[in-house]
């Protein structure tokens, strides 16, 4: 289809957070995420493209709880739906700079969204 693309992605070494609770430290790390999305798009003019995104992402997480008497490590993976929108500006025939916003579905009161700027190279 002329106005539909498929995206695959892998995110490695994402962010983490450490919190102190009573006499324990809790470290939460997002390790690896990967997903697949469809991206319908529309060319506004020769240089500007608007697009949407709808797909799914699987995230692997690691939690380490440490106190003076023990250390416990837990690993988990979750699957979320994602949606978003963006804008691409043509730099060359096969290269565009992209600006987008992506939101993940909410699970267990966890909220996640991504604002990104990048370069897309079309093969």
PDB file of N, CA and C in Angstrom:
ATOM      1  N   UNK A   1       0.842  -1.181   0.000  1.00  0.00           N
ATOM      2  CA  UNK A   1       0.000   0.000   0.000  1.00  0.00           C
ATOM      3  C   UNK A   1       0.878   1.232   0.000  1.00  0.00           C
ATOM      4  N   UNK A   2       0.479   2.217  -0.745  1.00  0.00           N
ATOM      5  CA  UNK A   2       1.302   3.416  -0.916  1.00  0.00           C
ATOM      6  C   UNK A   2       1.466   4.254   0.346  1.00  0.00           C
ATOM      7  N   UNK A   3       0.462   4.288   1.200  1.00  0.00           N
ATOM      8  CA  UNK A   3       0.528   5.159   2.374  1.00  0.00           C
ATOM      9  C   UNK A   3       0.511   4.387   3.694  1.00  0.00           C
ATOM     10  N   UNK A   4       1.158   3.223   3.701  1.00  0.00           N
ATOM     11  CA  UNK A   4       1.229   2.421   4.913  1.00  0.00           C
ATOM     12  C   UNK A   4       2.615   1.797   5.025  1.00  0.00           C
ATOM     13  N   UNK A   5       3.240   1.982   6.190  1.00  0.00           N
ATOM     14  CA  UNK A   5       4.558   1.405   6.447  1.00  0.00           C
ATOM     15  C   UNK A   5       4.456   0.490   7.661  1.00  0.00           C
ATOM     16  N   UNK A   6       5.400  -0.429   7.773  1.00  0.00           N
ATOM     17  CA  UNK A   6       5.515  -1.308   8.939  1.00  0.00           C
ATOM     18  C   UNK A   6       6.842  -0.992   9.612  1.00  0.00           C
ATOM     19  N   UNK A   7       6.800  -0.810  10.930  1.00  0.00           N
ATOM     20  CA  UNK A   7       8.012  -0.493  11.694  1.00  0.00           C
ATOM     21  C   UNK A   7       8.312  -1.617  12.689  1.00  0.00           C
ATOM     22  N   UNK A   8       9.551  -1.960  12.798  1.00  0.00           N
ATOM     23  CA  UNK A   8      10.031  -2.842  13.849  1.00  0.00           C
ATOM     24  C   UNK A   8      11.091  -2.086  14.621  1.00  0.00           C
ATOM     25  N   UNK A   9      11.178  -2.305  15.919  1.00  0.00           N
ATOM     26  CA  UNK A   9      12.169  -1.560  16.692  1.00  0.00           C
ATOM     27  C   UNK A   9      12.653  -2.364  17.888  1.00  0.00           C
ATOM     28  N   UNK A  10      13.873  -2.039  18.311  1.00  0.00           N
ATOM     29  CA  UNK A  10      14.491  -2.610  19.501  1.00  0.00           C
ATOM     30  C   UNK A  10      15.076  -1.448  20.295  1.00  0.00           C
ATOM     31  N   UNK A  11      14.786  -1.397  21.581  1.00  0.00           N
ATOM     32  CA  UNK A  11      15.339  -0.380  22.480  1.00  0.00           C
ATOM     33  C   UNK A  11      16.164  -1.103  23.526  1.00  0.00           C
ATOM     34  N   UNK A  12      17.422  -0.754  23.633  1.00  0.00           N
ATOM     35  CA  UNK A  12      18.335  -1.443  24.550  1.00  0.00           C
ATOM     36  C   UNK A  12      18.895  -0.463  25.562  1.00  0.00           C
ATOM     37  N   UNK A  13      19.024  -0.913  26.801  1.00  0.00           N
ATOM     38  CA  UNK A  13      19.666  -0.090  27.826  1.00  0.00           C
ATOM     39  C   UNK A  13      18.907   1.168  28.134  1.00  0.00           C
ATOM     40  N   UNK A  14      17.634   1.038  28.392  1.00  0.00           N
ATOM     41  CA  UNK A  14      16.802   2.198  28.669  1.00  0.00           C
ATOM     42  C   UNK A  14      17.104   2.742  30.055  1.00  0.00           C
ATOM     43  N   UNK A  15      16.201   3.495  30.611  1.00  0.00           N
ATOM     44  CA  UNK A  15      16.451   4.165  31.879  1.00  0.00           C
ATOM     45  C   UNK A  15      16.112   3.299  33.074  1.00  0.00           C
ATOM     46  N   UNK A  16      16.482   3.788  34.230  1.00  0.00           N
ATOM     47  CA  UNK A  16      16.184   3.112  35.483  1.00  0.00           C
ATOM     48  C   UNK A  16      15.981   4.134  36.579  1.00  0.00           C
ATOM     49  N   UNK A  17      15.533   3.647  37.716  1.00  0.00           N
ATOM     50  CA  UNK A  17      15.295   4.542  38.835  1.00  0.00           C
ATOM     51  C   UNK A  17      15.626   3.811  40.121  1.00  0.00           C
ATOM     52  N   UNK A  18      16.137   4.545  41.086  1.00  0.00           N
ATOM     53  CA  UNK A  18      16.479   3.975  42.382  1.00  0.00           C
ATOM     54  C   UNK A  18      15.759   4.776  43.468  1.00  0.00           C
ATOM     55  N   UNK A  19      15.100   4.046  44.381  1.00  0.00           N
ATOM     56  CA  UNK A  19      14.373   4.684  45.483  1.00  0.00           C
ATOM     57  C   UNK A  19      14.767   4.031  46.792  1.00  0.00           C
ATOM     58  N   UNK A  20      14.794   4.822  47.835  1.00  0.00           N
ATOM     59  CA  UNK A  20      15.074   4.333  49.186  1.00  0.00           C
ATOM     60  C   UNK A  20      13.749   4.253  49.932  1.00  0.00           C
ATOM     61  N   UNK A  21      13.451   3.084  50.507  1.00  0.00           N
ATOM     62  CA  UNK A  21      12.211   2.887  51.254  1.00  0.00           C
ATOM     63  C   UNK A  21      12.552   2.210  52.573  1.00  0.00           C
ATOM     64  N   UNK A  22      12.320   2.891  53.686  1.00  0.00           N
ATOM     65  CA  UNK A  22      12.734   2.413  55.013  1.00  0.00           C
ATOM     66  C   UNK A  22      14.213   2.042  54.980  1.00  0.00           C
ATOM     67  N   UNK A  23      14.550   0.787  55.196  1.00  0.00           N
ATOM     68  CA  UNK A  23      15.951   0.371  55.215  1.00  0.00           C
ATOM     69  C   UNK A  23      16.357  -0.384  53.958  1.00  0.00           C
ATOM     70  N   UNK A  24      15.608  -0.212  52.877  1.00  0.00           N
ATOM     71  CA  UNK A  24      15.903  -0.942  51.643  1.00  0.00           C
ATOM     72  C   UNK A  24      16.032   0.032  50.467  1.00  0.00           C
ATOM     73  N   UNK A  25      16.814  -0.380  49.491  1.00  0.00           N
ATOM     74  CA  UNK A  25      16.949   0.357  48.234  1.00  0.00           C
ATOM     75  C   UNK A  25      16.298  -0.468  47.138  1.00  0.00           C
ATOM     76  N   UNK A  26      15.468   0.176  46.330  1.00  0.00           N
ATOM     77  CA  UNK A  26      14.780  -0.500  45.236  1.00  0.00           C
ATOM     78  C   UNK A  26      15.277   0.102  43.924  1.00  0.00           C
ATOM     79  N   UNK A  27      15.914  -0.724  43.093  1.00  0.00           N
ATOM     80  CA  UNK A  27      16.400  -0.304  41.787  1.00  0.00           C
ATOM     81  C   UNK A  27      15.523  -0.932  40.708  1.00  0.00           C
ATOM     82  N   UNK A  28      14.941  -0.096  39.848  1.00  0.00           N
ATOM     83  CA  UNK A  28      14.094  -0.568  38.758  1.00  0.00           C
ATOM     84  C   UNK A  28      14.780  -0.207  37.449  1.00  0.00           C
ATOM     85  N   UNK A  29      15.002  -1.206  36.602  1.00  0.00           N
ATOM     86  CA  UNK A  29      15.670  -0.979  35.326  1.00  0.00           C
ATOM     87  C   UNK A  29      14.858  -1.569  34.190  1.00  0.00           C
ATOM     88  N   UNK A  30      14.629  -0.771  33.152  1.00  0.00           N
ATOM     89  CA  UNK A  30      14.032  -1.257  31.921  1.00  0.00           C
ATOM     90  C   UNK A  30      15.190  -1.750  31.071  1.00  0.00           C
ATOM     91  N   UNK A  31      15.208  -3.045  30.762  1.00  0.00           N
ATOM     92  CA  UNK A  31      16.365  -3.616  30.090  1.00  0.00           C
ATOM     93  C   UNK A  31      16.249  -3.598  28.570  1.00  0.00           C
ATOM     94  N   UNK A  32      15.272  -4.275  28.038  1.00  0.00           N
ATOM     95  CA  UNK A  32      15.125  -4.391  26.588  1.00  0.00           C
ATOM     96  C   UNK A  32      13.657  -4.268  26.230  1.00  0.00           C
ATOM     97  N   UNK A  33      13.376  -3.584  25.157  1.00  0.00           N
ATOM     98  CA  UNK A  33      12.025  -3.513  24.623  1.00  0.00           C
ATOM     99  C   UNK A  33      12.099  -3.739  23.125  1.00  0.00           C
ATOM    100  N   UNK A  34      11.074  -4.361  22.584  1.00  0.00           N
ATOM    101  CA  UNK A  34      10.982  -4.527  21.142  1.00  0.00           C
ATOM    102  C   UNK A  34       9.519  -4.533  20.736  1.00  0.00           C
ATOM    103  N   UNK A  35       9.263  -4.169  19.497  1.00  0.00           N
ATOM    104  CA  UNK A  35       7.882  -4.101  19.082  1.00  0.00           C
ATOM    105  C   UNK A  35       7.703  -4.007  17.585  1.00  0.00           C
ATOM    106  N   UNK A  36       6.446  -3.923  17.206  1.00  0.00           N
ATOM    107  CA  UNK A  36       6.044  -3.859  15.814  1.00  0.00           C
ATOM    108  C   UNK A  36       4.855  -2.921  15.718  1.00  0.00           C
ATOM    109  N   UNK A  37       4.834  -2.075  14.688  1.00  0.00           N
ATOM    110  CA  UNK A  37       3.736  -1.115  14.523  1.00  0.00           C
ATOM    111  C   UNK A  37       3.448  -0.888  13.049  1.00  0.00           C
ATOM    112  N   UNK A  38       2.214  -0.516  12.774  1.00  0.00           N
ATOM    113  CA  UNK A  38       1.881  -0.032  11.438  1.00  0.00           C
ATOM    114  C   UNK A  38       1.884   1.489  11.504  1.00  0.00           C
ATOM    115  N   UNK A  39       2.278   2.117  10.398  1.00  0.00           N
ATOM    116  CA  UNK A  39       2.404   3.572  10.373  1.00  0.00           C
ATOM    117  C   UNK A  39       1.755   4.121   9.102  1.00  0.00           C
ATOM    118  N   UNK A  40       0.450   4.436   9.172  1.00  0.00           N
ATOM    119  CA  UNK A  40      -0.153   5.101   8.026  1.00  0.00           C
ATOM    120  C   UNK A  40       0.370   6.536   7.932  1.00  0.00           C
ATOM    121  N   UNK A  41       0.582   7.027   6.719  1.00  0.00           N
ATOM    122  CA  UNK A  41       1.120   8.378   6.567  1.00  0.00           C
ATOM    123  C   UNK A  41       0.476   9.101   5.392  1.00  0.00           C
ATOM    124  N   UNK A  42       0.629  10.423   5.429  1.00  0.00           N
ATOM    125  CA  UNK A  42       0.079  11.286   4.396  1.00  0.00           C
ATOM    126  C   UNK A  42       1.110  12.376   4.098  1.00  0.00           C
ATOM    127  N   UNK A  43       1.415  12.581   2.827  1.00  0.00           N
ATOM    128  CA  UNK A  43       2.332  13.653   2.437  1.00  0.00           C
ATOM    129  C   UNK A  43       1.554  14.957   2.323  1.00  0.00           C
ATOM    130  N   UNK A  44       1.936  15.931   3.131  1.00  0.00           N
ATOM    131  CA  UNK A  44       1.310  17.252   3.102  1.00  0.00           C
ATOM    132  C   UNK A  44       1.791  18.009   1.874  1.00  0.00           C
ATOM    133  N   UNK A  45       3.077  17.915   1.608  1.00  0.00           N
ATOM    134  CA  UNK A  45       3.687  18.482   0.400  1.00  0.00           C
ATOM    135  C   UNK A  45       4.932  17.657   0.080  1.00  0.00           C
ATOM    136  N   UNK A  46       5.773  18.134  -0.787  1.00  0.00           N
ATOM    137  CA  UNK A  46       6.963  17.383  -1.219  1.00  0.00           C
ATOM    138  C   UNK A  46       7.915  17.071  -0.062  1.00  0.00           C
ATOM    139  N   UNK A  47       7.964  17.922   0.969  1.00  0.00           N
ATOM    140  CA  UNK A  47       8.945  17.760   2.042  1.00  0.00           C
ATOM    141  C   UNK A  47       8.368  17.296   3.375  1.00  0.00           C
ATOM    142  N   UNK A  48       7.065  17.459   3.609  1.00  0.00           N
ATOM    143  CA  UNK A  48       6.477  17.201   4.930  1.00  0.00           C
ATOM    144  C   UNK A  48       5.509  16.015   4.878  1.00  0.00           C
ATOM    145  N   UNK A  49       5.675  15.126   5.843  1.00  0.00           N
ATOM    146  CA  UNK A  49       4.818  13.940   5.982  1.00  0.00           C
ATOM    147  C   UNK A  49       4.239  13.908   7.392  1.00  0.00           C
ATOM    148  N   UNK A  50       2.951  13.657   7.517  1.00  0.00           N
ATOM    149  CA  UNK A  50       2.297  13.426   8.802  1.00  0.00           C
ATOM    150  C   UNK A  50       2.007  11.934   8.909  1.00  0.00           C
ATOM    151  N   UNK A  51       2.139  11.368  10.115  1.00  0.00           N
ATOM    152  CA  UNK A  51       1.885   9.945  10.259  1.00  0.00           C
ATOM    153  C   UNK A  51       1.313   9.610  11.628  1.00  0.00           C
ATOM    154  N   UNK A  52       0.692   8.455  11.689  1.00  0.00           N
ATOM    155  CA  UNK A  52       0.205   7.884  12.937  1.00  0.00           C
ATOM    156  C   UNK A  52       0.940   6.588  13.192  1.00  0.00           C
ATOM    157  N   UNK A  53       0.731   6.016  14.350  1.00  0.00           N
ATOM    158  CA  UNK A  53       1.405   4.756  14.704  1.00  0.00           C
ATOM    159  C   UNK A  53       0.469   3.953  15.597  1.00  0.00           C
ATOM    160  N   UNK A  54       0.358   2.646  15.320  1.00  0.00           N
ATOM    161  CA  UNK A  54      -0.445   1.744  16.128  1.00  0.00           C
ATOM    162  C   UNK A  54       0.257   0.390  16.153  1.00  0.00           C
ATOM    163  N   UNK A  55       0.509  -0.121  17.363  1.00  0.00           N
ATOM    164  CA  UNK A  55       1.237  -1.385  17.430  1.00  0.00           C
ATOM    165  C   UNK A  55       1.304  -1.956  18.820  1.00  0.00           C
ATOM    166  N   UNK A  56       2.320  -2.775  19.031  1.00  0.00           N
ATOM    167  CA  UNK A  56       2.520  -3.438  20.313  1.00  0.00           C
ATOM    168  C   UNK A  56       4.007  -3.426  20.669  1.00  0.00           C
ATOM    169  N   UNK A  57       4.296  -3.414  21.962  1.00  0.00           N
ATOM    170  CA  UNK A  57       5.677  -3.433  22.434  1.00  0.00           C
ATOM    171  C   UNK A  57       5.784  -4.372  23.631  1.00  0.00           C
ATOM    172  N   UNK A  58       6.865  -5.127  23.696  1.00  0.00           N
ATOM    173  CA  UNK A  58       7.145  -6.013  24.834  1.00  0.00           C
ATOM    174  C   UNK A  58       8.367  -5.442  25.558  1.00  0.00           C
ATOM    175  N   UNK A  59       8.238  -5.253  26.866  1.00  0.00           N
ATOM    176  CA  UNK A  59       9.318  -4.671  27.668  1.00  0.00           C
ATOM    177  C   UNK A  59       9.768  -5.658  28.731  1.00  0.00           C
ATOM    178  N   UNK A  60      11.081  -5.775  28.911  1.00  0.00           N
ATOM    179  CA  UNK A  60      11.650  -6.617  29.965  1.00  0.00           C
ATOM    180  C   UNK A  60      12.196  -5.708  31.055  1.00  0.00           C
ATOM    181  N   UNK A  61      11.825  -6.014  32.306  1.00  0.00           N
ATOM    182  CA  UNK A  61      12.198  -5.181  33.444  1.00  0.00           C
ATOM    183  C   UNK A  61      12.949  -6.013  34.478  1.00  0.00           C
ATOM    184  N   UNK A  62      13.786  -5.332  35.244  1.00  0.00           N
ATOM    185  CA  UNK A  62      14.514  -5.982  36.334  1.00  0.00           C
ATOM    186  C   UNK A  62      14.401  -5.091  37.568  1.00  0.00           C
ATOM    187  N   UNK A  63      14.043  -5.691  38.694  1.00  0.00           N
ATOM    188  CA  UNK A  63      13.920  -4.979  39.964  1.00  0.00           C
ATOM    189  C   UNK A  63      14.858  -5.644  40.965  1.00  0.00           C
ATOM    190  N   UNK A  64      15.683  -4.836  41.636  1.00  0.00           N
ATOM    191  CA  UNK A  64      16.593  -5.345  42.666  1.00  0.00           C
ATOM    192  C   UNK A  64      16.281  -4.610  43.968  1.00  0.00           C
ATOM    193  N   UNK A  65      15.941  -5.390  44.987  1.00  0.00           N
ATOM    194  CA  UNK A  65      15.674  -4.853  46.323  1.00  0.00           C
ATOM    195  C   UNK A  65      16.842  -5.248  47.216  1.00  0.00           C
ATOM    196  N   UNK A  66      17.484  -4.251  47.839  1.00  0.00           N
ATOM    197  CA  UNK A  66      18.656  -4.494  48.667  1.00  0.00           C
ATOM    198  C   UNK A  66      18.467  -3.859  50.039  1.00  0.00           C
ATOM    199  N   UNK A  67      18.756  -4.631  51.065  1.00  0.00           N
ATOM    200  CA  UNK A  67      18.793  -4.093  52.427  1.00  0.00           C
ATOM    201  C   UNK A  67      20.071  -4.595  53.087  1.00  0.00           C
ATOM    202  N   UNK A  68      20.237  -4.322  54.350  1.00  0.00           N
ATOM    203  CA  UNK A  68      21.451  -4.762  55.046  1.00  0.00           C
ATOM    204  C   UNK A  68      21.477  -6.275  55.247  1.00  0.00           C
ATOM    205  N   UNK A  69      20.328  -6.945  55.135  1.00  0.00           N
ATOM    206  CA  UNK A  69      20.272  -8.382  55.403  1.00  0.00           C
ATOM    207  C   UNK A  69      19.993  -9.255  54.169  1.00  0.00           C
ATOM    208  N   UNK A  70      19.559  -8.676  53.062  1.00  0.00           N
ATOM    209  CA  UNK A  70      19.262  -9.498  51.888  1.00  0.00           C
ATOM    210  C   UNK A  70      19.268  -8.674  50.600  1.00  0.00           C
ATOM    211  N   UNK A  71      19.345  -9.401  49.496  1.00  0.00           N
ATOM    212  CA  UNK A  71      19.183  -8.831  48.157  1.00  0.00           C
ATOM    213  C   UNK A  71      18.254  -9.750  47.379  1.00  0.00           C
ATOM    214  N   UNK A  72      17.235  -9.183  46.793  1.00  0.00           N
ATOM    215  CA  UNK A  72      16.268  -9.950  45.995  1.00  0.00           C
ATOM    216  C   UNK A  72      16.185  -9.339  44.596  1.00  0.00           C
ATOM    217  N   UNK A  73      16.268 -10.209  43.573  1.00  0.00           N
ATOM    218  CA  UNK A  73      16.186  -9.760  42.184  1.00  0.00           C
ATOM    219  C   UNK A  73      14.960 -10.375  41.526  1.00  0.00           C
ATOM    220  N   UNK A  74      14.159  -9.547  40.905  1.00  0.00           N
ATOM    221  CA  UNK A  74      12.961  -9.991  40.202  1.00  0.00           C
ATOM    222  C   UNK A  74      13.030  -9.522  38.756  1.00  0.00           C
ATOM    223  N   UNK A  75      12.622 -10.378  37.835  1.00  0.00           N
ATOM    224  CA  UNK A  75      12.556 -10.009  36.422  1.00  0.00           C
ATOM    225  C   UNK A  75      11.131 -10.208  35.942  1.00  0.00           C
ATOM    226  N   UNK A  76      10.713  -9.359  35.019  1.00  0.00           N
ATOM    227  CA  UNK A  76       9.343  -9.409  34.525  1.00  0.00           C
ATOM    228  C   UNK A  76       9.328  -8.906  33.093  1.00  0.00           C
ATOM    229  N   UNK A  77       8.336  -9.328  32.339  1.00  0.00           N
ATOM    230  CA  UNK A  77       8.138  -8.757  31.014  1.00  0.00           C
ATOM    231  C   UNK A  77       6.661  -8.437  30.855  1.00  0.00           C
ATOM    232  N   UNK A  78       6.379  -7.339  30.193  1.00  0.00           N
ATOM    233  CA  UNK A  78       5.009  -6.898  29.967  1.00  0.00           C
ATOM    234  C   UNK A  78       4.822  -6.565  28.496  1.00  0.00           C
ATOM    235  N   UNK A  79       3.601  -6.689  28.034  1.00  0.00           N
ATOM    236  CA  UNK A  79       3.262  -6.337  26.669  1.00  0.00           C
ATOM    237  C   UNK A  79       2.237  -5.207  26.711  1.00  0.00           C
ATOM    238  N   UNK A  80       2.486  -4.173  25.946  1.00  0.00           N
ATOM    239  CA  UNK A  80       1.612  -3.003  25.897  1.00  0.00           C
ATOM    240  C   UNK A  80       1.221  -2.713  24.456  1.00  0.00           C
ATOM    241  N   UNK A  81       0.054  -2.126  24.292  1.00  0.00           N
ATOM    242  CA  UNK A  81      -0.279  -1.562  22.986  1.00  0.00           C
ATOM    243  C   UNK A  81       0.312  -0.151  22.957  1.00  0.00           C
ATOM    244  N   UNK A  82       0.566   0.360  21.773  1.00  0.00           N
ATOM    245  CA  UNK A  82       1.106   1.709  21.645  1.00  0.00           C
ATOM    246  C   UNK A  82       0.393   2.441  20.516  1.00  0.00           C
ATOM    247  N   UNK A  83       0.363   3.751  20.639  1.00  0.00           N
ATOM    248  CA  UNK A  83      -0.181   4.599  19.589  1.00  0.00           C
ATOM    249  C   UNK A  83       0.562   5.918  19.612  1.00  0.00           C
ATOM    250  N   UNK A  84       0.540   6.612  18.501  1.00  0.00           N
ATOM    251  CA  UNK A  84       1.242   7.886  18.454  1.00  0.00           C
ATOM    252  C   UNK A  84       1.045   8.597  17.138  1.00  0.00           C
ATOM    253  N   UNK A  85       1.706   9.716  17.023  1.00  0.00           N
ATOM    254  CA  UNK A  85       1.634  10.545  15.823  1.00  0.00           C
ATOM    255  C   UNK A  85       2.955  11.274  15.653  1.00  0.00           C
ATOM    256  N   UNK A  86       3.231  11.703  14.428  1.00  0.00           N
ATOM    257  CA  UNK A  86       4.485  12.406  14.201  1.00  0.00           C
ATOM    258  C   UNK A  86       4.519  13.164  12.892  1.00  0.00           C
ATOM    259  N   UNK A  87       5.669  13.766  12.682  1.00  0.00           N
ATOM    260  CA  UNK A  87       5.932  14.594  11.512  1.00  0.00           C
ATOM    261  C   UNK A  87       7.315  14.239  10.994  1.00  0.00           C
ATOM    262  N   UNK A  88       7.443  14.093   9.693  1.00  0.00           N
ATOM    263  CA  UNK A  88       8.747  13.826   9.076  1.00  0.00           C
ATOM    264  C   UNK A  88       9.036  14.910   8.051  1.00  0.00           C
ATOM    265  N   UNK A  89      10.284  15.369   8.029  1.00  0.00           N
ATOM    266  CA  UNK A  89      10.712  16.397   7.074  1.00  0.00           C
ATOM    267  C   UNK A  89      11.814  15.820   6.194  1.00  0.00           C
ATOM    268  N   UNK A  90      11.648  15.911   4.909  1.00  0.00           N
ATOM    269  CA  UNK A  90      12.574  15.316   3.944  1.00  0.00           C
ATOM    270  C   UNK A  90      13.884  16.093   3.869  1.00  0.00           C
ATOM    271  N   UNK A  91      15.005  15.377   4.098  1.00  0.00           N
ATOM    272  CA  UNK A  91      16.341  15.960   3.966  1.00  0.00           C
ATOM    273  C   UNK A  91      16.968  15.605   2.620  1.00  0.00           C
ATOM    274  N   UNK A  92      16.674  14.384   2.149  1.00  0.00           N
ATOM    275  CA  UNK A  92      17.176  13.876   0.868  1.00  0.00           C
ATOM    276  C   UNK A  92      16.147  12.868   0.371  1.00  0.00           C
ATOM    277  N   UNK A  93      16.364  12.285  -0.803  1.00  0.00           N
ATOM    278  CA  UNK A  93      15.387  11.353  -1.363  1.00  0.00           C
ATOM    279  C   UNK A  93      15.094  10.167  -0.455  1.00  0.00           C
ATOM    280  N   UNK A  94      16.064   9.696   0.291  1.00  0.00           N
ATOM    281  CA  UNK A  94      15.856   8.529   1.140  1.00  0.00           C
ATOM    282  C   UNK A  94      16.080   8.806   2.632  1.00  0.00           C
ATOM    283  N   UNK A  95      16.121  10.075   3.026  1.00  0.00           N
ATOM    284  CA  UNK A  95      16.397  10.415   4.419  1.00  0.00           C
ATOM    285  C   UNK A  95      15.467  11.530   4.900  1.00  0.00           C
ATOM    286  N   UNK A  96      14.910  11.328   6.115  1.00  0.00           N
ATOM    287  CA  UNK A  96      14.019  12.318   6.725  1.00  0.00           C
ATOM    288  C   UNK A  96      14.374  12.497   8.189  1.00  0.00           C
ATOM    289  N   UNK A  97      14.181  13.695   8.705  1.00  0.00           N
ATOM    290  CA  UNK A  97      14.268  13.928  10.138  1.00  0.00           C
ATOM    291  C   UNK A  97      12.840  13.782  10.658  1.00  0.00           C
ATOM    292  N   UNK A  98      12.684  13.091  11.802  1.00  0.00           N
ATOM    293  CA  UNK A  98      11.354  12.805  12.333  1.00  0.00           C
ATOM    294  C   UNK A  98      11.197  13.330  13.754  1.00  0.00           C
ATOM    295  N   UNK A  99       9.992  13.776  14.058  1.00  0.00           N
ATOM    296  CA  UNK A  99       9.602  14.250  15.382  1.00  0.00           C
ATOM    297  C   UNK A  99       8.338  13.479  15.731  1.00  0.00           C
ATOM    298  N   UNK A 100       8.322  12.757  16.858  1.00  0.00           N
ATOM    299  CA  UNK A 100       7.088  12.044  17.165  1.00  0.00           C
ATOM    300  C   UNK A 100       6.814  11.873  18.646  1.00  0.00           C
ATOM    301  N   UNK A 101       5.573  11.529  18.906  1.00  0.00           N
ATOM    302  CA  UNK A 101       5.067  11.259  20.247  1.00  0.00           C
ATOM    303  C   UNK A 101       4.431   9.876  20.225  1.00  0.00           C
ATOM    304  N   UNK A 102       4.814   9.024  21.164  1.00  0.00           N
ATOM    305  CA  UNK A 102       4.251   7.678  21.268  1.00  0.00           C
ATOM    306  C   UNK A 102       3.826   7.440  22.707  1.00  0.00           C
ATOM    307  N   UNK A 103       2.662   6.855  22.883  1.00  0.00           N
ATOM    308  CA  UNK A 103       2.096   6.571  24.203  1.00  0.00           C
ATOM    309  C   UNK A 103       1.862   5.077  24.327  1.00  0.00           C
ATOM    310  N   UNK A 104       2.220   4.500  25.488  1.00  0.00           N
ATOM    311  CA  UNK A 104       1.963   3.087  25.764  1.00  0.00           C
ATOM    312  C   UNK A 104       0.690   2.960  26.582  1.00  0.00           C
ATOM    313  N   UNK A 105       0.002   1.829  26.423  1.00  0.00           N
ATOM    314  CA  UNK A 105      -1.184   1.566  27.227  1.00  0.00           C
ATOM    315  C   UNK A 105      -0.790   1.513  28.702  1.00  0.00           C
ATOM    316  N   UNK A 106      -1.725   1.818  29.572  1.00  0.00           N
ATOM    317  CA  UNK A 106      -1.481   1.841  31.013  1.00  0.00           C
ATOM    318  C   UNK A 106      -1.766   0.475  31.604  1.00  0.00           C
ATOM    319  N   UNK A 107      -0.799  -0.054  32.348  1.00  0.00           N
ATOM    320  CA  UNK A 107      -0.979  -1.317  33.075  1.00  0.00           C
ATOM    321  C   UNK A 107      -0.434  -1.135  34.479  1.00  0.00           C
ATOM    322  N   UNK A 108      -1.181  -1.597  35.465  1.00  0.00           N
ATOM    323  CA  UNK A 108      -0.757  -1.519  36.865  1.00  0.00           C
ATOM    324  C   UNK A 108      -0.378  -0.092  37.256  1.00  0.00           C
ATOM    325  N   UNK A 109      -1.138   0.886  36.778  1.00  0.00           N
ATOM    326  CA  UNK A 109      -0.924   2.308  37.073  1.00  0.00           C
ATOM    327  C   UNK A 109       0.415   2.842  36.581  1.00  0.00           C
ATOM    328  N   UNK A 110       1.090   2.123  35.700  1.00  0.00           N
ATOM    329  CA  UNK A 110       2.348   2.606  35.123  1.00  0.00           C
ATOM    330  C   UNK A 110       2.020   3.374  33.845  1.00  0.00           C
ATOM    331  N   UNK A 111       2.531   4.579  33.737  1.00  0.00           N
ATOM    332  CA  UNK A 111       2.285   5.408  32.565  1.00  0.00           C
ATOM    333  C   UNK A 111       3.600   5.643  31.846  1.00  0.00           C
ATOM    334  N   UNK A 112       3.566   5.526  30.521  1.00  0.00           N
ATOM    335  CA  UNK A 112       4.793   5.694  29.766  1.00  0.00           C
ATOM    336  C   UNK A 112       4.496   6.339  28.427  1.00  0.00           C
ATOM    337  N   UNK A 113       5.294   7.332  28.095  1.00  0.00           N
ATOM    338  CA  UNK A 113       5.189   7.972  26.787  1.00  0.00           C
ATOM    339  C   UNK A 113       6.592   8.378  26.346  1.00  0.00           C
ATOM    340  N   UNK A 114       6.721   8.613  25.052  1.00  0.00           N
ATOM    341  CA  UNK A 114       8.026   8.903  24.474  1.00  0.00           C
ATOM    342  C   UNK A 114       7.893  10.050  23.484  1.00  0.00           C
ATOM    343  N   UNK A 115       8.724  11.048  23.637  1.00  0.00           N
ATOM    344  CA  UNK A 115       8.857  12.117  22.657  1.00  0.00           C
ATOM    345  C   UNK A 115      10.237  11.944  22.054  1.00  0.00           C
ATOM    346  N   UNK A 116      10.318  11.871  20.726  1.00  0.00           N
ATOM    347  CA  UNK A 116      11.613  11.604  20.122  1.00  0.00           C
ATOM    348  C   UNK A 116      11.866  12.456  18.883  1.00  0.00           C
ATOM    349  N   UNK A 117      13.144  12.618  18.609  1.00  0.00           N
ATOM    350  CA  UNK A 117      13.637  13.263  17.396  1.00  0.00           C
ATOM    351  C   UNK A 117      14.664  12.306  16.822  1.00  0.00           C
ATOM    352  N   UNK A 118      14.577  12.054  15.530  1.00  0.00           N
ATOM    353  CA  UNK A 118      15.515  11.112  14.943  1.00  0.00           C
ATOM    354  C   UNK A 118      15.648  11.289  13.457  1.00  0.00           C
ATOM    355  N   UNK A 119      16.394  10.385  12.845  1.00  0.00           N
ATOM    356  CA  UNK A 119      16.590  10.381  11.396  1.00  0.00           C
ATOM    357  C   UNK A 119      16.098   9.030  10.876  1.00  0.00           C
ATOM    358  N   UNK A 120      15.290   9.063   9.839  1.00  0.00           N
ATOM    359  CA  UNK A 120      14.784   7.847   9.202  1.00  0.00           C
ATOM    360  C   UNK A 120      15.452   7.694   7.856  1.00  0.00           C
ATOM    361  N   UNK A 121      16.004   6.512   7.610  1.00  0.00           N
ATOM    362  CA  UNK A 121      16.627   6.199   6.324  1.00  0.00           C
ATOM    363  C   UNK A 121      15.775   5.119   5.672  1.00  0.00           C
ATOM    364  N   UNK A 122      15.262   5.371   4.485  1.00  0.00           N
ATOM    365  CA  UNK A 122      14.437   4.400   3.767  1.00  0.00           C
ATOM    366  C   UNK A 122      15.301   3.589   2.813  1.00  0.00           C
ATOM    367  N   UNK A 123      15.199   2.282   2.911  1.00  0.00           N
ATOM    368  CA  UNK A 123      15.961   1.372   2.052  1.00  0.00           C
ATOM    369  C   UNK A 123      15.233   1.154   0.748  1.00  0.00           C
TER     370      UNK A 123
END
